[in-house]
Amino acid sequence: MLPEAAGLSFAALKRRFHEVLLELSPAFSDENRKIAERNADVWIEPDDDGRATIGAELNAEEAAEGFEFINTLAVMATSDGRIGAGPSLLEPRAQMIVASPT
């Protein structure tokens, strides 16, 4: 792993590190998953311009389901005129994250 490390980005190096650990210890994967599930979290990271980023640390399946749900809400809201439809769903998806149920 060391010879290839210099040419990898941090994210790629982290992935490769986990691949090697899994090869050496299959139990690592199961323990790592359990730790990640216990550490699931949602956070807000403020920017300097008065905006903020909201994020979540979830397992991949839950994250994909959550994104699909938000995307579906955005499509529904733009198609029936509740929110303006632009050239993409970027803004409508952001609005659906903070929308209050009515």
Protein backbone atom coordinates (compact mmCIF):
# COMPACT_ATOMS: atom_id res chain seq x y z
CA MET A 1 0.00 0.00 0.00
CA LEU A 2 2.84 2.42 0.75
CA PRO A 3 4.26 2.63 -2.80
CA GLU A 4 0.87 3.63 -4.23
CA ALA A 5 -0.05 6.02 -1.38
CA ALA A 6 1.81 9.04 -2.76
CA GLY A 7 -0.31 9.06 -5.91
CA LEU A 8 -3.68 8.84 -4.16
CA SER A 9 -6.00 11.57 -2.95
CA PHE A 10 -6.96 11.50 0.73
CA ALA A 11 -10.36 9.95 -0.08
CA ALA A 12 -8.79 7.32 -2.35
CA LEU A 13 -6.12 6.55 0.24
CA LYS A 14 -8.79 6.13 2.92
CA ARG A 15 -10.74 3.74 0.64
CA ARG A 16 -7.59 1.75 -0.13
CA PHE A 17 -6.70 1.58 3.55
CA HIS A 18 -10.13 0.13 4.33
CA GLU A 19 -9.81 -2.37 1.45
CA VAL A 20 -6.49 -3.60 2.85
CA LEU A 21 -7.92 -3.87 6.38
CA LEU A 22 -10.87 -5.86 5.04
CA GLU A 23 -8.48 -8.22 3.24
CA LEU A 24 -6.48 -8.71 6.43
CA SER A 25 -9.45 -8.86 8.82
CA PRO A 26 -13.00 -9.47 7.51
CA ALA A 27 -14.27 -8.78 11.04
CA PHE A 28 -13.05 -5.19 10.59
CA SER A 29 -15.83 -4.48 8.10
CA ASP A 30 -18.59 -5.64 10.43
CA GLU A 31 -17.16 -3.75 13.41
CA ASN A 32 -16.63 -0.63 11.30
CA ARG A 33 -20.27 -0.76 10.12
CA LYS A 34 -21.53 -1.08 13.71
CA ILE A 35 -19.44 1.89 14.82
CA ALA A 36 -20.67 3.97 11.88
CA GLU A 37 -24.30 3.16 12.69
CA ARG A 38 -23.81 4.25 16.31
CA ASN A 39 -22.19 7.49 15.10
CA ALA A 40 -24.90 8.46 12.58
CA ASP A 41 -25.41 12.20 12.83
CA VAL A 42 -26.86 15.31 11.21
CA TRP A 43 -25.01 18.61 11.44
CA ILE A 44 -24.98 22.21 10.26
CA GLU A 45 -21.79 23.92 9.11
CA PRO A 46 -22.17 27.73 8.89
CA ASP A 47 -20.46 29.66 6.09
CA ASP A 48 -19.06 33.19 6.35
CA ASP A 49 -21.74 34.60 4.04
CA GLY A 50 -24.78 33.88 6.22
CA ARG A 51 -25.54 30.54 4.60
CA ALA A 52 -24.91 27.06 5.97
CA THR A 53 -24.49 23.48 4.83
CA ILE A 54 -26.61 20.76 6.38
CA GLY A 55 -25.17 17.26 6.22
CA ALA A 56 -25.75 13.76 7.48
CA GLU A 57 -23.53 10.77 8.15
CA LEU A 58 -25.61 7.70 7.23
CA ASN A 59 -25.08 4.30 5.71
CA ALA A 60 -25.17 4.39 1.90
CA GLU A 61 -28.59 2.75 1.57
CA GLU A 62 -30.28 5.16 4.00
CA ALA A 63 -28.60 8.14 2.34
CA ALA A 64 -29.77 7.02 -1.11
CA GLU A 65 -33.33 6.50 0.16
CA GLY A 66 -33.34 9.91 1.85
CA PHE A 67 -32.05 11.63 -1.28
CA GLU A 68 -34.65 9.88 -3.44
CA PHE A 69 -37.41 10.94 -1.03
CA ILE A 70 -36.26 14.58 -1.08
CA ASN A 71 -35.93 14.46 -4.87
CA THR A 72 -39.45 13.03 -5.25
CA LEU A 73 -40.89 15.76 -3.04
CA ALA A 74 -39.10 18.40 -5.13
CA VAL A 75 -40.43 16.94 -8.38
CA MET A 76 -43.97 16.84 -6.98
CA ALA A 77 -43.77 20.40 -5.64
CA THR A 78 -42.48 21.83 -8.92
CA SER A 79 -44.92 19.87 -11.08
CA ASP A 80 -47.99 21.15 -9.21
CA GLY A 81 -46.68 24.73 -8.97
CA ARG A 82 -46.15 24.90 -5.18
CA ILE A 83 -42.59 26.05 -5.79
CA GLY A 84 -40.99 27.51 -8.89
CA ALA A 85 -39.38 25.18 -11.36
CA GLY A 86 -35.97 26.28 -12.58
CA PRO A 87 -33.55 24.62 -14.95
CA SER A 88 -32.70 21.98 -12.34
CA LEU A 89 -33.96 20.53 -9.08
CA LEU A 90 -31.10 22.00 -7.00
CA GLU A 91 -33.12 24.78 -5.35
CA PRO A 92 -36.37 22.77 -5.01
CA ARG A 93 -34.45 19.93 -3.29
CA ALA A 94 -32.90 22.39 -0.85
CA GLN A 95 -36.36 23.82 -0.15
CA MET A 96 -37.73 20.33 0.55
CA ILE A 97 -35.07 19.69 3.19
CA VAL A 98 -36.28 22.64 5.26
CA ALA A 99 -39.98 22.49 4.31
CA SER A 100 -42.46 22.19 7.16
CA PRO A 101 -45.19 19.60 6.68
CA THR A 102 -48.61 21.19 6.14
